[in-house]
């Protein structure tokens, strides 16, 4: 039996385990991989490939063809001529897919998207699901069409968002679920045994890369404490939630890598954002409550447990006596 020839298009870390599963799948042959060009990273602006490129560099046996076009639409014809795929699989790529890639393969193109479509179409559905306080999200496998994440749906499966989930942990679970869904779908798709179901456009919502820009990760005094806690999880591992704070008269950016809402009744009388000590705990005081900081990093310092940053506290606070209730 001939293997199903697949062109894989992906860039981000969500795309890596899915690619790995396809390379290990005896039913398919990955005839090529398209991923984003290397980009300058860090202070030295050294060129570095995305997670998919880095994964490919670890393989002993290389994928036959790896493409990194600046603009996919300008090189799509050449890529199709060289690889001749029967199906295109897309996951966390970062560019729109041109029409010839959607239309020329006999089975078209499918995308693994990290939300329950039509909710959260767009680039960052996983952090946005956490940020919006959703209880469930999931994976949708859909036919790729020219409109953003608007194609008919082949398969969908939901998963609970855990109270401790960060974008990193939720993304990993969704990728694992997507692998199982894709493995089950491919033989049915190749045999013409599955029908796609159109989305309900009236229920569509959208999210964009700008929704998780660095400036969107700032926690201020007015940020509701429940929102702040979700920000810490949603912006982990990037761009990482942060707040500005005066340390010895100099404003410093403090990144928060882990925190939880303080549920104890503590005497908090601050009228501005303040860091206080509560026993051996470090609290960030907001207008409607406090975050118990668990892991933080001040600029020019190392990432450490909050217990090693107690020097940030301007004062100590005590638990409110029960008789006051």
C-alpha atoms as a PDB file:
ATOM      1  CA  UNK A   1       0.000   0.000   0.000  1.00  0.00           C
ATOM      2  CA  UNK A   2       1.388   3.387  -1.022  1.00  0.00           C
ATOM      3  CA  UNK A   3       2.039   5.857   1.747  1.00  0.00           C
ATOM      4  CA  UNK A   4       0.102   9.120   1.958  1.00  0.00           C
ATOM      5  CA  UNK A   5       2.447  11.879   0.794  1.00  0.00           C
ATOM      6  CA  UNK A   6       2.262  14.850   3.183  1.00  0.00           C
ATOM      7  CA  UNK A   7       3.791  18.317   3.007  1.00  0.00           C
ATOM      8  CA  UNK A   8       4.031  19.642   6.563  1.00  0.00           C
ATOM      9  CA  UNK A   9       3.843  23.379   7.251  1.00  0.00           C
ATOM     10  CA  UNK A  10       4.621  24.543  10.789  1.00  0.00           C
ATOM     11  CA  UNK A  11       6.942  26.664  12.909  1.00  0.00           C
ATOM     12  CA  UNK A  12       6.074  26.918  16.624  1.00  0.00           C
ATOM     13  CA  UNK A  13       6.584  24.494  19.504  1.00  0.00           C
ATOM     14  CA  UNK A  14       2.981  23.277  19.158  1.00  0.00           C
ATOM     15  CA  UNK A  15       3.934  22.002  15.686  1.00  0.00           C
ATOM     16  CA  UNK A  16       6.946  19.952  16.805  1.00  0.00           C
ATOM     17  CA  UNK A  17       5.293  16.882  18.419  1.00  0.00           C
ATOM     18  CA  UNK A  18       2.787  16.743  15.562  1.00  0.00           C
ATOM     19  CA  UNK A  19       5.612  16.644  13.012  1.00  0.00           C
ATOM     20  CA  UNK A  20       7.415  14.007  15.069  1.00  0.00           C
ATOM     21  CA  UNK A  21       4.300  11.823  15.068  1.00  0.00           C
ATOM     22  CA  UNK A  22       3.963  12.111  11.281  1.00  0.00           C
ATOM     23  CA  UNK A  23       7.607  11.132  10.754  1.00  0.00           C
ATOM     24  CA  UNK A  24       6.997   8.045  12.910  1.00  0.00           C
ATOM     25  CA  UNK A  25       3.675   7.156  11.247  1.00  0.00           C
ATOM     26  CA  UNK A  26       4.039   4.174   8.899  1.00  0.00           C
ATOM     27  CA  UNK A  27       0.931   5.254   6.966  1.00  0.00           C
ATOM     28  CA  UNK A  28       2.442   8.530   5.734  1.00  0.00           C
ATOM     29  CA  UNK A  29       5.542   9.896   4.036  1.00  0.00           C
ATOM     30  CA  UNK A  30       6.585  13.431   4.889  1.00  0.00           C
ATOM     31  CA  UNK A  31       7.824  14.681   1.510  1.00  0.00           C
ATOM     32  CA  UNK A  32       8.817  18.116   2.764  1.00  0.00           C
ATOM     33  CA  UNK A  33       8.586  20.642   5.585  1.00  0.00           C
ATOM     34  CA  UNK A  34       7.885  24.362   5.264  1.00  0.00           C
ATOM     35  CA  UNK A  35       8.794  26.534   8.241  1.00  0.00           C
ATOM     36  CA  UNK A  36       9.425  30.214   8.922  1.00  0.00           C
ATOM     37  CA  UNK A  37      12.842  31.760   8.133  1.00  0.00           C
ATOM     38  CA  UNK A  38      15.446  32.071  10.866  1.00  0.00           C
ATOM     39  CA  UNK A  39      14.999  35.250  12.892  1.00  0.00           C
ATOM     40  CA  UNK A  40      17.367  37.385  15.006  1.00  0.00           C
ATOM     41  CA  UNK A  41      17.091  36.456  18.684  1.00  0.00           C
ATOM     42  CA  UNK A  42      18.434  37.944  21.910  1.00  0.00           C
ATOM     43  CA  UNK A  43      20.696  40.884  22.576  1.00  0.00           C
ATOM     44  CA  UNK A  44      23.206  39.754  19.991  1.00  0.00           C
ATOM     45  CA  UNK A  45      20.413  39.336  17.389  1.00  0.00           C
ATOM     46  CA  UNK A  46      21.841  35.980  16.343  1.00  0.00           C
ATOM     47  CA  UNK A  47      19.828  34.237  13.636  1.00  0.00           C
ATOM     48  CA  UNK A  48      17.943  31.264  15.048  1.00  0.00           C
ATOM     49  CA  UNK A  49      15.386  28.891  13.598  1.00  0.00           C
ATOM     50  CA  UNK A  50      11.992  28.285  15.155  1.00  0.00           C
ATOM     51  CA  UNK A  51      11.169  25.153  17.166  1.00  0.00           C
ATOM     52  CA  UNK A  52      10.378  23.073  14.043  1.00  0.00           C
ATOM     53  CA  UNK A  53      13.676  24.023  12.397  1.00  0.00           C
ATOM     54  CA  UNK A  54      15.558  23.243  15.598  1.00  0.00           C
ATOM     55  CA  UNK A  55      13.842  19.865  15.845  1.00  0.00           C
ATOM     56  CA  UNK A  56      14.729  19.006  12.248  1.00  0.00           C
ATOM     57  CA  UNK A  57      18.364  19.751  13.017  1.00  0.00           C
ATOM     58  CA  UNK A  58      18.368  17.010  15.670  1.00  0.00           C
ATOM     59  CA  UNK A  59      17.268  14.267  13.286  1.00  0.00           C
ATOM     60  CA  UNK A  60      19.761  11.700  12.033  1.00  0.00           C
ATOM     61  CA  UNK A  61      17.821  11.181   8.806  1.00  0.00           C
ATOM     62  CA  UNK A  62      16.843  14.478   7.250  1.00  0.00           C
ATOM     63  CA  UNK A  63      13.437  15.250   5.770  1.00  0.00           C
ATOM     64  CA  UNK A  64      13.877  15.189   1.949  1.00  0.00           C
ATOM     65  CA  UNK A  65      13.189  18.916   1.534  1.00  0.00           C
ATOM     66  CA  UNK A  66      13.041  21.776   4.051  1.00  0.00           C
ATOM     67  CA  UNK A  67      11.862  25.192   2.887  1.00  0.00           C
ATOM     68  CA  UNK A  68      12.046  28.531   4.728  1.00  0.00           C
ATOM     69  CA  UNK A  69      10.433  31.061   2.382  1.00  0.00           C
ATOM     70  CA  UNK A  70      10.168  34.694   3.428  1.00  0.00           C
ATOM     71  CA  UNK A  71       6.831  34.788   1.626  1.00  0.00           C
ATOM     72  CA  UNK A  72       5.266  31.395   0.996  1.00  0.00           C
ATOM     73  CA  UNK A  73       3.078  32.669  -1.844  1.00  0.00           C
ATOM     74  CA  UNK A  74       6.192  33.537  -3.871  1.00  0.00           C
ATOM     75  CA  UNK A  75       7.695  30.057  -3.588  1.00  0.00           C
ATOM     76  CA  UNK A  76       4.624  27.824  -3.264  1.00  0.00           C
ATOM     77  CA  UNK A  77       4.658  26.700  -6.909  1.00  0.00           C
ATOM     78  CA  UNK A  78       8.285  25.536  -6.667  1.00  0.00           C
ATOM     79  CA  UNK A  79       7.609  23.765  -3.363  1.00  0.00           C
ATOM     80  CA  UNK A  80       4.632  21.892  -4.819  1.00  0.00           C
ATOM     81  CA  UNK A  81       6.584  20.905  -7.927  1.00  0.00           C
ATOM     82  CA  UNK A  82       9.412  19.485  -5.829  1.00  0.00           C
ATOM     83  CA  UNK A  83       7.342  17.640  -3.225  1.00  0.00           C
ATOM     84  CA  UNK A  84       4.115  16.668  -5.072  1.00  0.00           C
ATOM     85  CA  UNK A  85       2.063  16.132  -1.884  1.00  0.00           C
ATOM     86  CA  UNK A  86      -1.346  14.498  -1.750  1.00  0.00           C
ATOM     87  CA  UNK A  87      -2.185  16.335   1.487  1.00  0.00           C
ATOM     88  CA  UNK A  88      -0.852  19.400   3.286  1.00  0.00           C
ATOM     89  CA  UNK A  89      -0.900  19.450   7.109  1.00  0.00           C
ATOM     90  CA  UNK A  90      -0.548  22.840   8.831  1.00  0.00           C
ATOM     91  CA  UNK A  91       0.101  23.610  12.505  1.00  0.00           C
ATOM     92  CA  UNK A  92       1.289  26.870  14.108  1.00  0.00           C
ATOM     93  CA  UNK A  93       2.931  28.208  10.948  1.00  0.00           C
ATOM     94  CA  UNK A  94       2.512  31.986  11.050  1.00  0.00           C
ATOM     95  CA  UNK A  95       1.638  32.899   7.449  1.00  0.00           C
ATOM     96  CA  UNK A  96      -1.478  32.607   5.336  1.00  0.00           C
ATOM     97  CA  UNK A  97      -1.437  29.574   3.043  1.00  0.00           C
ATOM     98  CA  UNK A  98      -1.634  30.505  -0.682  1.00  0.00           C
ATOM     99  CA  UNK A  99      -4.395  29.164  -2.926  1.00  0.00           C
ATOM    100  CA  UNK A 100      -2.256  26.765  -4.983  1.00  0.00           C
ATOM    101  CA  UNK A 101      -1.179  24.892  -1.839  1.00  0.00           C
ATOM    102  CA  UNK A 102      -4.832  24.636  -0.813  1.00  0.00           C
ATOM    103  CA  UNK A 103      -6.081  23.477  -4.204  1.00  0.00           C
ATOM    104  CA  UNK A 104      -3.425  21.434  -6.012  1.00  0.00           C
ATOM    105  CA  UNK A 105      -2.971  18.500  -3.580  1.00  0.00           C
ATOM    106  CA  UNK A 106      -5.742  15.964  -4.221  1.00  0.00           C
ATOM    107  CA  UNK A 107      -6.809  16.011  -0.547  1.00  0.00           C
ATOM    108  CA  UNK A 108      -6.254  19.740  -0.053  1.00  0.00           C
ATOM    109  CA  UNK A 109      -4.872  21.104   3.213  1.00  0.00           C
ATOM    110  CA  UNK A 110      -5.877  20.613   6.838  1.00  0.00           C
ATOM    111  CA  UNK A 111      -4.960  22.602   9.930  1.00  0.00           C
ATOM    112  CA  UNK A 112      -4.677  21.599  13.592  1.00  0.00           C
ATOM    113  CA  UNK A 113      -5.985  24.591  15.550  1.00  0.00           C
ATOM    114  CA  UNK A 114      -5.834  24.957  19.338  1.00  0.00           C
ATOM    115  CA  UNK A 115      -9.411  25.978  20.090  1.00  0.00           C
ATOM    116  CA  UNK A 116     -13.000  24.839  19.695  1.00  0.00           C
ATOM    117  CA  UNK A 117     -13.792  26.619  16.448  1.00  0.00           C
ATOM    118  CA  UNK A 118     -15.387  28.922  15.555  1.00  0.00           C
ATOM    119  CA  UNK A 119     -14.305  30.355  18.938  1.00  0.00           C
ATOM    120  CA  UNK A 120     -10.832  31.918  19.042  1.00  0.00           C
ATOM    121  CA  UNK A 121      -9.884  31.881  15.402  1.00  0.00           C
ATOM    122  CA  UNK A 122      -6.428  33.328  14.873  1.00  0.00           C
ATOM    123  CA  UNK A 123      -2.824  33.174  16.013  1.00  0.00           C
ATOM    124  CA  UNK A 124      -2.919  32.753  19.817  1.00  0.00           C
ATOM    125  CA  UNK A 125      -5.952  30.685  20.855  1.00  0.00           C
ATOM    126  CA  UNK A 126      -4.208  28.808  23.669  1.00  0.00           C
ATOM    127  CA  UNK A 127      -3.041  31.759  25.804  1.00  0.00           C
ATOM    128  CA  UNK A 128      -6.282  33.600  25.054  1.00  0.00           C
ATOM    129  CA  UNK A 129      -8.389  30.695  26.343  1.00  0.00           C
ATOM    130  CA  UNK A 130      -6.557  30.956  29.682  1.00  0.00           C
ATOM    131  CA  UNK A 131      -6.662  34.742  29.707  1.00  0.00           C
ATOM    132  CA  UNK A 132     -10.418  34.765  29.103  1.00  0.00           C
ATOM    133  CA  UNK A 133     -10.977  32.353  31.980  1.00  0.00           C
ATOM    134  CA  UNK A 134     -12.524  29.644  29.797  1.00  0.00           C
ATOM    135  CA  UNK A 135     -13.215  26.307  31.457  1.00  0.00           C
ATOM    136  CA  UNK A 136     -12.708  24.240  28.299  1.00  0.00           C
ATOM    137  CA  UNK A 137     -10.821  24.467  25.043  1.00  0.00           C
ATOM    138  CA  UNK A 138      -9.710  21.852  22.569  1.00  0.00           C
ATOM    139  CA  UNK A 139      -8.361  20.898  19.161  1.00  0.00           C
ATOM    140  CA  UNK A 140     -10.116  21.399  15.858  1.00  0.00           C
ATOM    141  CA  UNK A 141      -8.900  19.797  12.622  1.00  0.00           C
ATOM    142  CA  UNK A 142     -10.322  21.751   9.729  1.00  0.00           C
ATOM    143  CA  UNK A 143      -9.987  22.150   5.999  1.00  0.00           C
ATOM    144  CA  UNK A 144      -7.867  25.190   5.225  1.00  0.00           C
ATOM    145  CA  UNK A 145      -9.607  27.862   3.155  1.00  0.00           C
ATOM    146  CA  UNK A 146      -8.468  31.402   2.238  1.00  0.00           C
ATOM    147  CA  UNK A 147     -10.403  32.950   5.165  1.00  0.00           C
ATOM    148  CA  UNK A 148      -8.786  32.811   8.620  1.00  0.00           C
ATOM    149  CA  UNK A 149      -9.595  29.483  10.356  1.00  0.00           C
ATOM    150  CA  UNK A 150     -13.010  29.494   8.673  1.00  0.00           C
ATOM    151  CA  UNK A 151     -12.926  26.156   6.867  1.00  0.00           C
ATOM    152  CA  UNK A 152     -15.268  23.225   7.491  1.00  0.00           C
ATOM    153  CA  UNK A 153     -14.403  20.951  10.410  1.00  0.00           C
ATOM    154  CA  UNK A 154     -13.253  17.331  10.108  1.00  0.00           C
ATOM    155  CA  UNK A 155     -12.772  16.593  13.810  1.00  0.00           C
ATOM    156  CA  UNK A 156     -13.007  18.341  17.165  1.00  0.00           C
ATOM    157  CA  UNK A 157     -12.264  17.315  20.737  1.00  0.00           C
ATOM    158  CA  UNK A 158     -12.463  19.346  23.938  1.00  0.00           C
ATOM    159  CA  UNK A 159     -10.353  19.320  27.076  1.00  0.00           C
ATOM    160  CA  UNK A 160     -10.721  20.983  30.480  1.00  0.00           C
ATOM    161  CA  UNK A 161      -8.425  23.888  31.282  1.00  0.00           C
ATOM    162  CA  UNK A 162      -6.895  23.103  34.669  1.00  0.00           C
ATOM    163  CA  UNK A 163      -6.593  25.839  37.318  1.00  0.00           C
ATOM    164  CA  UNK A 164      -2.817  25.374  37.185  1.00  0.00           C
ATOM    165  CA  UNK A 165      -2.480  25.328  33.393  1.00  0.00           C
ATOM    166  CA  UNK A 166      -0.029  27.689  31.747  1.00  0.00           C
ATOM    167  CA  UNK A 167       0.146  28.202  28.009  1.00  0.00           C
ATOM    168  CA  UNK A 168       3.115  25.812  27.970  1.00  0.00           C
ATOM    169  CA  UNK A 169       1.352  22.950  29.795  1.00  0.00           C
ATOM    170  CA  UNK A 170      -1.942  23.384  27.962  1.00  0.00           C
ATOM    171  CA  UNK A 171      -0.193  23.562  24.592  1.00  0.00           C
ATOM    172  CA  UNK A 172       1.592  20.275  25.310  1.00  0.00           C
ATOM    173  CA  UNK A 173      -1.647  18.512  26.245  1.00  0.00           C
ATOM    174  CA  UNK A 174      -3.430  19.861  23.195  1.00  0.00           C
ATOM    175  CA  UNK A 175      -0.605  18.770  20.897  1.00  0.00           C
ATOM    176  CA  UNK A 176      -0.743  15.233  22.313  1.00  0.00           C
ATOM    177  CA  UNK A 177      -4.492  15.164  21.789  1.00  0.00           C
ATOM    178  CA  UNK A 178      -4.061  16.519  18.263  1.00  0.00           C
ATOM    179  CA  UNK A 179      -1.628  13.734  17.415  1.00  0.00           C
ATOM    180  CA  UNK A 180      -4.181  11.062  18.333  1.00  0.00           C
ATOM    181  CA  UNK A 181      -6.929  12.851  16.417  1.00  0.00           C
ATOM    182  CA  UNK A 182      -4.747  13.250  13.322  1.00  0.00           C
ATOM    183  CA  UNK A 183      -3.574   9.640  13.424  1.00  0.00           C
ATOM    184  CA  UNK A 184      -7.196   8.469  13.439  1.00  0.00           C
ATOM    185  CA  UNK A 185      -8.293  10.945  10.775  1.00  0.00           C
ATOM    186  CA  UNK A 186      -5.660  10.432   8.078  1.00  0.00           C
ATOM    187  CA  UNK A 187      -6.709   6.940   6.875  1.00  0.00           C
ATOM    188  CA  UNK A 188     -10.371   8.021   6.780  1.00  0.00           C
ATOM    189  CA  UNK A 189      -9.480  11.194   4.909  1.00  0.00           C
ATOM    190  CA  UNK A 190      -7.399   9.276   2.365  1.00  0.00           C
ATOM    191  CA  UNK A 191     -10.283   6.802   1.848  1.00  0.00           C
ATOM    192  CA  UNK A 192     -12.868   9.563   1.463  1.00  0.00           C
ATOM    193  CA  UNK A 193     -14.754   8.303   4.507  1.00  0.00           C
ATOM    194  CA  UNK A 194     -15.079  11.594   6.405  1.00  0.00           C
ATOM    195  CA  UNK A 195     -17.184  14.663   5.702  1.00  0.00           C
ATOM    196  CA  UNK A 196     -16.356  18.150   6.937  1.00  0.00           C
ATOM    197  CA  UNK A 197     -19.033  20.206   8.730  1.00  0.00           C
ATOM    198  CA  UNK A 198     -19.355  23.937   8.097  1.00  0.00           C
ATOM    199  CA  UNK A 199     -18.718  26.357  10.984  1.00  0.00           C
ATOM    200  CA  UNK A 200     -21.344  28.688  12.398  1.00  0.00           C
ATOM    201  CA  UNK A 201     -20.061  32.131  11.400  1.00  0.00           C
ATOM    202  CA  UNK A 202     -22.366  33.839  13.895  1.00  0.00           C
ATOM    203  CA  UNK A 203     -20.378  32.309  16.785  1.00  0.00           C
ATOM    204  CA  UNK A 204     -16.910  33.251  15.503  1.00  0.00           C
ATOM    205  CA  UNK A 205     -14.474  35.108  17.758  1.00  0.00           C
ATOM    206  CA  UNK A 206     -10.900  36.099  16.966  1.00  0.00           C
ATOM    207  CA  UNK A 207      -7.502  36.507  18.589  1.00  0.00           C
ATOM    208  CA  UNK A 208      -4.321  38.015  17.223  1.00  0.00           C
ATOM    209  CA  UNK A 209      -0.607  37.948  18.003  1.00  0.00           C
ATOM    210  CA  UNK A 210      -0.907  41.525  19.277  1.00  0.00           C
ATOM    211  CA  UNK A 211      -3.200  40.238  22.049  1.00  0.00           C
ATOM    212  CA  UNK A 212      -0.152  38.792  23.788  1.00  0.00           C
ATOM    213  CA  UNK A 213       2.324  41.573  23.027  1.00  0.00           C
ATOM    214  CA  UNK A 214       4.713  42.476  25.847  1.00  0.00           C
ATOM    215  CA  UNK A 215       2.805  45.627  26.760  1.00  0.00           C
ATOM    216  CA  UNK A 216      -0.366  43.539  27.204  1.00  0.00           C
ATOM    217  CA  UNK A 217       1.409  41.533  29.904  1.00  0.00           C
ATOM    218  CA  UNK A 218       1.732  44.436  32.348  1.00  0.00           C
ATOM    219  CA  UNK A 219      -0.070  44.108  35.684  1.00  0.00           C
ATOM    220  CA  UNK A 220      -1.088  47.420  37.259  1.00  0.00           C
ATOM    221  CA  UNK A 221      -2.850  48.357  40.487  1.00  0.00           C
ATOM    222  CA  UNK A 222      -6.190  48.450  38.654  1.00  0.00           C
ATOM    223  CA  UNK A 223      -5.795  44.956  37.167  1.00  0.00           C
ATOM    224  CA  UNK A 224      -8.417  42.681  38.796  1.00  0.00           C
ATOM    225  CA  UNK A 225      -6.615  40.061  40.851  1.00  0.00           C
ATOM    226  CA  UNK A 226      -8.330  37.152  39.057  1.00  0.00           C
ATOM    227  CA  UNK A 227      -7.272  38.618  35.725  1.00  0.00           C
ATOM    228  CA  UNK A 228      -3.722  39.095  37.003  1.00  0.00           C
ATOM    229  CA  UNK A 229      -3.511  35.440  38.044  1.00  0.00           C
ATOM    230  CA  UNK A 230      -4.710  34.349  34.597  1.00  0.00           C
ATOM    231  CA  UNK A 231      -2.173  36.683  32.981  1.00  0.00           C
ATOM    232  CA  UNK A 232       0.654  34.968  34.860  1.00  0.00           C
ATOM    233  CA  UNK A 233      -0.422  31.607  33.447  1.00  0.00           C
ATOM    234  CA  UNK A 234      -1.426  32.801  29.969  1.00  0.00           C
ATOM    235  CA  UNK A 235       1.826  34.690  29.366  1.00  0.00           C
ATOM    236  CA  UNK A 236       4.016  31.774  30.459  1.00  0.00           C
ATOM    237  CA  UNK A 237       6.451  31.040  28.831  1.00  0.00           C
ATOM    238  CA  UNK A 238       6.146  34.254  26.762  1.00  0.00           C
ATOM    239  CA  UNK A 239       6.031  37.216  27.086  1.00  0.00           C
ATOM    240  CA  UNK A 240       5.785  36.675  30.904  1.00  0.00           C
ATOM    241  CA  UNK A 241       3.531  38.862  33.059  1.00  0.00           C
ATOM    242  CA  UNK A 242       5.303  41.821  34.677  1.00  0.00           C
ATOM    243  CA  UNK A 243       4.898  44.968  36.749  1.00  0.00           C
ATOM    244  CA  UNK A 244       6.948  48.109  37.234  1.00  0.00           C
ATOM    245  CA  UNK A 245       8.137  48.811  40.777  1.00  0.00           C
ATOM    246  CA  UNK A 246      10.370  51.329  42.487  1.00  0.00           C
ATOM    247  CA  UNK A 247      13.403  49.662  44.096  1.00  0.00           C
ATOM    248  CA  UNK A 248      15.651  52.063  46.031  1.00  0.00           C
ATOM    249  CA  UNK A 249      14.190  54.936  44.054  1.00  0.00           C
ATOM    250  CA  UNK A 250      14.745  53.322  40.655  1.00  0.00           C
ATOM    251  CA  UNK A 251      11.924  51.818  38.538  1.00  0.00           C
ATOM    252  CA  UNK A 252      12.507  48.151  37.827  1.00  0.00           C
ATOM    253  CA  UNK A 253      10.541  45.655  35.771  1.00  0.00           C
ATOM    254  CA  UNK A 254       9.619  42.572  37.795  1.00  0.00           C
ATOM    255  CA  UNK A 255       8.604  39.467  35.853  1.00  0.00           C
ATOM    256  CA  UNK A 256       6.187  36.996  37.459  1.00  0.00           C
ATOM    257  CA  UNK A 257       6.711  33.378  36.462  1.00  0.00           C
ATOM    258  CA  UNK A 258       4.338  31.853  39.014  1.00  0.00           C
ATOM    259  CA  UNK A 259       1.731  33.239  41.395  1.00  0.00           C
ATOM    260  CA  UNK A 260      -1.662  32.481  42.896  1.00  0.00           C
ATOM    261  CA  UNK A 261      -4.525  34.507  44.281  1.00  0.00           C
ATOM    262  CA  UNK A 262      -4.168  35.059  48.033  1.00  0.00           C
ATOM    263  CA  UNK A 263      -7.304  33.583  49.578  1.00  0.00           C
ATOM    264  CA  UNK A 264      -6.504  34.425  53.211  1.00  0.00           C
ATOM    265  CA  UNK A 265      -7.980  37.545  54.822  1.00  0.00           C
ATOM    266  CA  UNK A 266      -5.031  39.890  55.152  1.00  0.00           C
ATOM    267  CA  UNK A 267      -5.008  43.567  56.137  1.00  0.00           C
ATOM    268  CA  UNK A 268      -4.277  45.250  52.806  1.00  0.00           C
ATOM    269  CA  UNK A 269      -4.705  49.008  52.883  1.00  0.00           C
ATOM    270  CA  UNK A 270      -2.527  50.067  49.954  1.00  0.00           C
ATOM    271  CA  UNK A 271      -3.932  52.616  47.517  1.00  0.00           C
ATOM    272  CA  UNK A 272      -1.344  51.852  44.856  1.00  0.00           C
ATOM    273  CA  UNK A 273       0.490  48.811  43.581  1.00  0.00           C
ATOM    274  CA  UNK A 274       2.704  47.608  46.410  1.00  0.00           C
ATOM    275  CA  UNK A 275       4.831  44.612  47.339  1.00  0.00           C
ATOM    276  CA  UNK A 276       4.422  43.558  50.959  1.00  0.00           C
ATOM    277  CA  UNK A 277       5.578  40.730  53.165  1.00  0.00           C
ATOM    278  CA  UNK A 278       3.123  38.367  54.827  1.00  0.00           C
ATOM    279  CA  UNK A 279       5.123  36.004  57.016  1.00  0.00           C
ATOM    280  CA  UNK A 280       7.500  34.316  54.607  1.00  0.00           C
ATOM    281  CA  UNK A 281       5.262  35.134  51.642  1.00  0.00           C
ATOM    282  CA  UNK A 282       5.649  37.973  49.168  1.00  0.00           C
ATOM    283  CA  UNK A 283       2.411  39.639  48.088  1.00  0.00           C
ATOM    284  CA  UNK A 284       1.638  41.953  45.196  1.00  0.00           C
ATOM    285  CA  UNK A 285      -1.193  44.197  46.367  1.00  0.00           C
ATOM    286  CA  UNK A 286      -3.802  45.196  43.768  1.00  0.00           C
ATOM    287  CA  UNK A 287      -6.992  47.220  44.051  1.00  0.00           C
ATOM    288  CA  UNK A 288      -9.258  44.237  44.762  1.00  0.00           C
ATOM    289  CA  UNK A 289      -6.907  41.702  46.332  1.00  0.00           C
ATOM    290  CA  UNK A 290      -3.390  40.335  46.268  1.00  0.00           C
ATOM    291  CA  UNK A 291      -1.275  37.872  44.348  1.00  0.00           C
ATOM    292  CA  UNK A 292       0.997  35.588  46.310  1.00  0.00           C
ATOM    293  CA  UNK A 293       4.176  35.738  44.259  1.00  0.00           C
ATOM    294  CA  UNK A 294       5.895  32.374  43.942  1.00  0.00           C
ATOM    295  CA  UNK A 295       8.619  32.840  41.338  1.00  0.00           C
ATOM    296  CA  UNK A 296       9.874  36.200  40.077  1.00  0.00           C
ATOM    297  CA  UNK A 297      12.755  37.930  38.354  1.00  0.00           C
ATOM    298  CA  UNK A 298      13.855  41.541  38.664  1.00  0.00           C
ATOM    299  CA  UNK A 299      15.660  42.993  35.652  1.00  0.00           C
ATOM    300  CA  UNK A 300      19.417  42.430  35.892  1.00  0.00           C
ATOM    301  CA  UNK A 301      18.761  39.705  38.497  1.00  0.00           C
ATOM    302  CA  UNK A 302      18.133  35.977  38.262  1.00  0.00           C
ATOM    303  CA  UNK A 303      14.821  34.145  38.237  1.00  0.00           C
ATOM    304  CA  UNK A 304      14.312  32.937  41.800  1.00  0.00           C
ATOM    305  CA  UNK A 305      11.652  31.773  44.279  1.00  0.00           C
ATOM    306  CA  UNK A 306       9.813  34.784  45.681  1.00  0.00           C
ATOM    307  CA  UNK A 307      11.195  33.970  49.147  1.00  0.00           C
ATOM    308  CA  UNK A 308      14.574  35.199  47.843  1.00  0.00           C
ATOM    309  CA  UNK A 309      13.028  38.529  46.805  1.00  0.00           C
ATOM    310  CA  UNK A 310      11.618  39.520  50.192  1.00  0.00           C
ATOM    311  CA  UNK A 311      13.800  42.648  50.057  1.00  0.00           C
ATOM    312  CA  UNK A 312      11.241  44.079  47.615  1.00  0.00           C
ATOM    313  CA  UNK A 313       8.645  44.371  50.380  1.00  0.00           C
ATOM    314  CA  UNK A 314       7.982  47.872  51.702  1.00  0.00           C
ATOM    315  CA  UNK A 315       6.237  46.590  54.828  1.00  0.00           C
ATOM    316  CA  UNK A 316       4.795  43.533  56.546  1.00  0.00           C
ATOM    317  CA  UNK A 317       1.078  42.828  56.864  1.00  0.00           C
ATOM    318  CA  UNK A 318      -0.871  40.607  59.217  1.00  0.00           C
ATOM    319  CA  UNK A 319      -3.881  38.337  58.934  1.00  0.00           C
ATOM    320  CA  UNK A 320      -7.184  39.991  59.811  1.00  0.00           C
ATOM    321  CA  UNK A 321      -8.482  38.654  63.171  1.00  0.00           C
ATOM    322  CA  UNK A 322     -11.587  36.504  62.905  1.00  0.00           C
ATOM    323  CA  UNK A 323     -13.554  38.763  65.304  1.00  0.00           C
ATOM    324  CA  UNK A 324     -13.565  41.461  62.662  1.00  0.00           C
ATOM    325  CA  UNK A 325     -15.939  39.426  60.511  1.00  0.00           C
END
